[in-house]
N, C-alpha and C. Protein backbone atom coordinates (compact mmCIF):
# COMPACT_ATOMS: atom_id res chain seq x y z
N HIS A 1 16.38 -81.04 -62.97
CA HIS A 1 16.77 -79.76 -63.93
C HIS A 1 16.28 -78.56 -63.64
N ALA A 2 15.00 -78.64 -62.54
CA ALA A 2 14.52 -77.36 -61.88
C ALA A 2 15.20 -76.91 -60.97
N ARG A 3 16.23 -77.72 -60.21
CA ARG A 3 17.08 -77.28 -59.16
C ARG A 3 17.98 -76.05 -59.79
N ARG A 4 18.70 -76.46 -60.93
CA ARG A 4 19.43 -75.24 -61.65
C ARG A 4 18.73 -74.01 -61.96
N LYS A 5 17.74 -74.04 -62.40
CA LYS A 5 16.84 -72.68 -62.59
C LYS A 5 16.70 -72.10 -61.18
N PHE A 6 16.76 -72.67 -60.11
CA PHE A 6 16.26 -71.96 -58.53
C PHE A 6 17.67 -71.51 -58.36
N GLU A 7 18.34 -72.09 -58.65
CA GLU A 7 20.02 -71.58 -58.17
C GLU A 7 20.49 -70.54 -58.96
N GLU A 8 19.94 -70.35 -60.22
CA GLU A 8 20.27 -69.02 -61.23
C GLU A 8 19.13 -68.07 -60.68
N ALA A 9 18.13 -68.32 -60.07
CA ALA A 9 16.98 -67.31 -59.28
C ALA A 9 17.60 -66.64 -58.38
N LEU A 10 18.50 -67.37 -57.56
CA LEU A 10 19.21 -66.77 -55.97
C LEU A 10 19.21 -65.21 -56.63
N LYS A 11 19.81 -65.01 -57.49
CA LYS A 11 20.28 -63.28 -58.02
C LYS A 11 19.31 -62.51 -57.90
N GLU A 12 18.01 -62.96 -58.29
CA GLU A 12 17.11 -62.29 -58.34
C GLU A 12 16.12 -62.06 -57.26
N ASP A 13 15.50 -63.43 -56.70
CA ASP A 13 14.90 -63.50 -55.67
C ASP A 13 15.34 -64.52 -54.66
N GLU A 14 16.34 -64.03 -53.65
CA GLU A 14 16.70 -64.85 -52.85
C GLU A 14 15.88 -65.52 -51.87
N VAL A 15 14.92 -64.88 -51.45
CA VAL A 15 14.26 -65.67 -50.22
C VAL A 15 13.45 -66.57 -50.86
N ARG A 16 12.70 -66.59 -51.94
CA ARG A 16 11.71 -67.62 -52.55
C ARG A 16 12.59 -68.40 -53.38
N ALA A 17 13.50 -68.31 -53.95
CA ALA A 17 14.54 -69.34 -54.67
C ALA A 17 15.23 -70.16 -53.49
N SER A 18 15.76 -69.68 -52.64
CA SER A 18 16.41 -70.43 -51.34
C SER A 18 15.07 -71.46 -50.83
N TYR A 19 13.70 -71.01 -50.64
CA TYR A 19 12.80 -71.74 -49.86
C TYR A 19 12.54 -72.98 -50.95
N ALA A 20 12.55 -72.69 -52.32
CA ALA A 20 12.33 -73.86 -53.29
C ALA A 20 13.44 -74.99 -53.22
N LEU A 21 14.81 -74.46 -53.32
CA LEU A 21 15.96 -75.17 -52.96
C LEU A 21 15.59 -76.10 -51.72
N GLU A 22 14.98 -75.41 -50.79
CA GLU A 22 15.28 -75.99 -49.21
C GLU A 22 14.14 -77.16 -49.51
N GLN A 23 13.10 -77.05 -50.38
CA GLN A 23 11.86 -78.14 -50.64
C GLN A 23 12.57 -79.46 -51.47
N ILE A 24 13.15 -78.84 -52.39
CA ILE A 24 13.66 -79.83 -53.48
C ILE A 24 14.66 -80.72 -52.65
N GLY A 25 15.55 -80.19 -51.88
CA GLY A 25 16.47 -80.82 -50.61
C GLY A 25 15.68 -81.70 -49.86
N LEU A 26 14.52 -81.46 -49.46
CA LEU A 26 13.72 -82.14 -48.64
C LEU A 26 13.05 -83.37 -49.62
N LEU A 27 12.55 -83.21 -50.75
CA LEU A 27 12.40 -84.38 -51.49
C LEU A 27 13.42 -85.28 -52.14
N TYR A 28 14.75 -84.95 -52.23
CA TYR A 28 15.87 -85.74 -52.28
C TYR A 28 16.12 -86.41 -51.16
N ASP A 29 15.77 -85.97 -49.92
CA ASP A 29 15.92 -86.76 -48.57
C ASP A 29 15.17 -87.77 -48.89
N VAL A 30 13.70 -87.68 -48.89
CA VAL A 30 12.73 -88.64 -49.13
C VAL A 30 13.20 -89.88 -49.97
N GLU A 31 13.56 -89.46 -51.36
CA GLU A 31 13.79 -90.55 -52.29
C GLU A 31 15.14 -91.22 -51.62
N ARG A 32 16.16 -90.60 -51.06
CA ARG A 32 17.54 -91.24 -50.54
C ARG A 32 16.96 -92.45 -49.77
N GLN A 33 16.02 -91.69 -48.54
CA GLN A 33 15.38 -92.83 -47.74
C GLN A 33 14.49 -93.57 -48.05
N SER A 34 14.10 -93.65 -49.21
CA SER A 34 13.00 -94.77 -49.73
C SER A 34 14.05 -95.78 -50.43
N CYS A 35 15.21 -95.32 -50.89
CA CYS A 35 16.18 -96.26 -51.78
C CYS A 35 17.29 -96.88 -50.79
N ALA A 36 17.39 -96.37 -49.38
CA ALA A 36 18.43 -97.02 -48.46
C ALA A 36 17.68 -98.41 -48.03
N PRO A 37 18.82 -99.55 -48.09
CA PRO A 37 18.52 -100.79 -47.70
C PRO A 37 18.13 -100.67 -46.03
N GLU A 38 16.90 -101.57 -45.82
CA GLU A 38 16.25 -101.38 -44.47
C GLU A 38 17.60 -102.18 -43.56
N ILE A 39 17.41 -101.71 -42.34
CA ILE A 39 18.46 -102.51 -41.52
C ILE A 39 17.66 -103.35 -40.47
């Protein structure tokens, strides 16, 4: 839910909101990797 607020914030402060969205994306990547079946 927090991601949506940062997307809205892009209009007001693109630099900081973009950074926050990038960090959230990295967290999603970690979560996705932790749930992936190991080969």
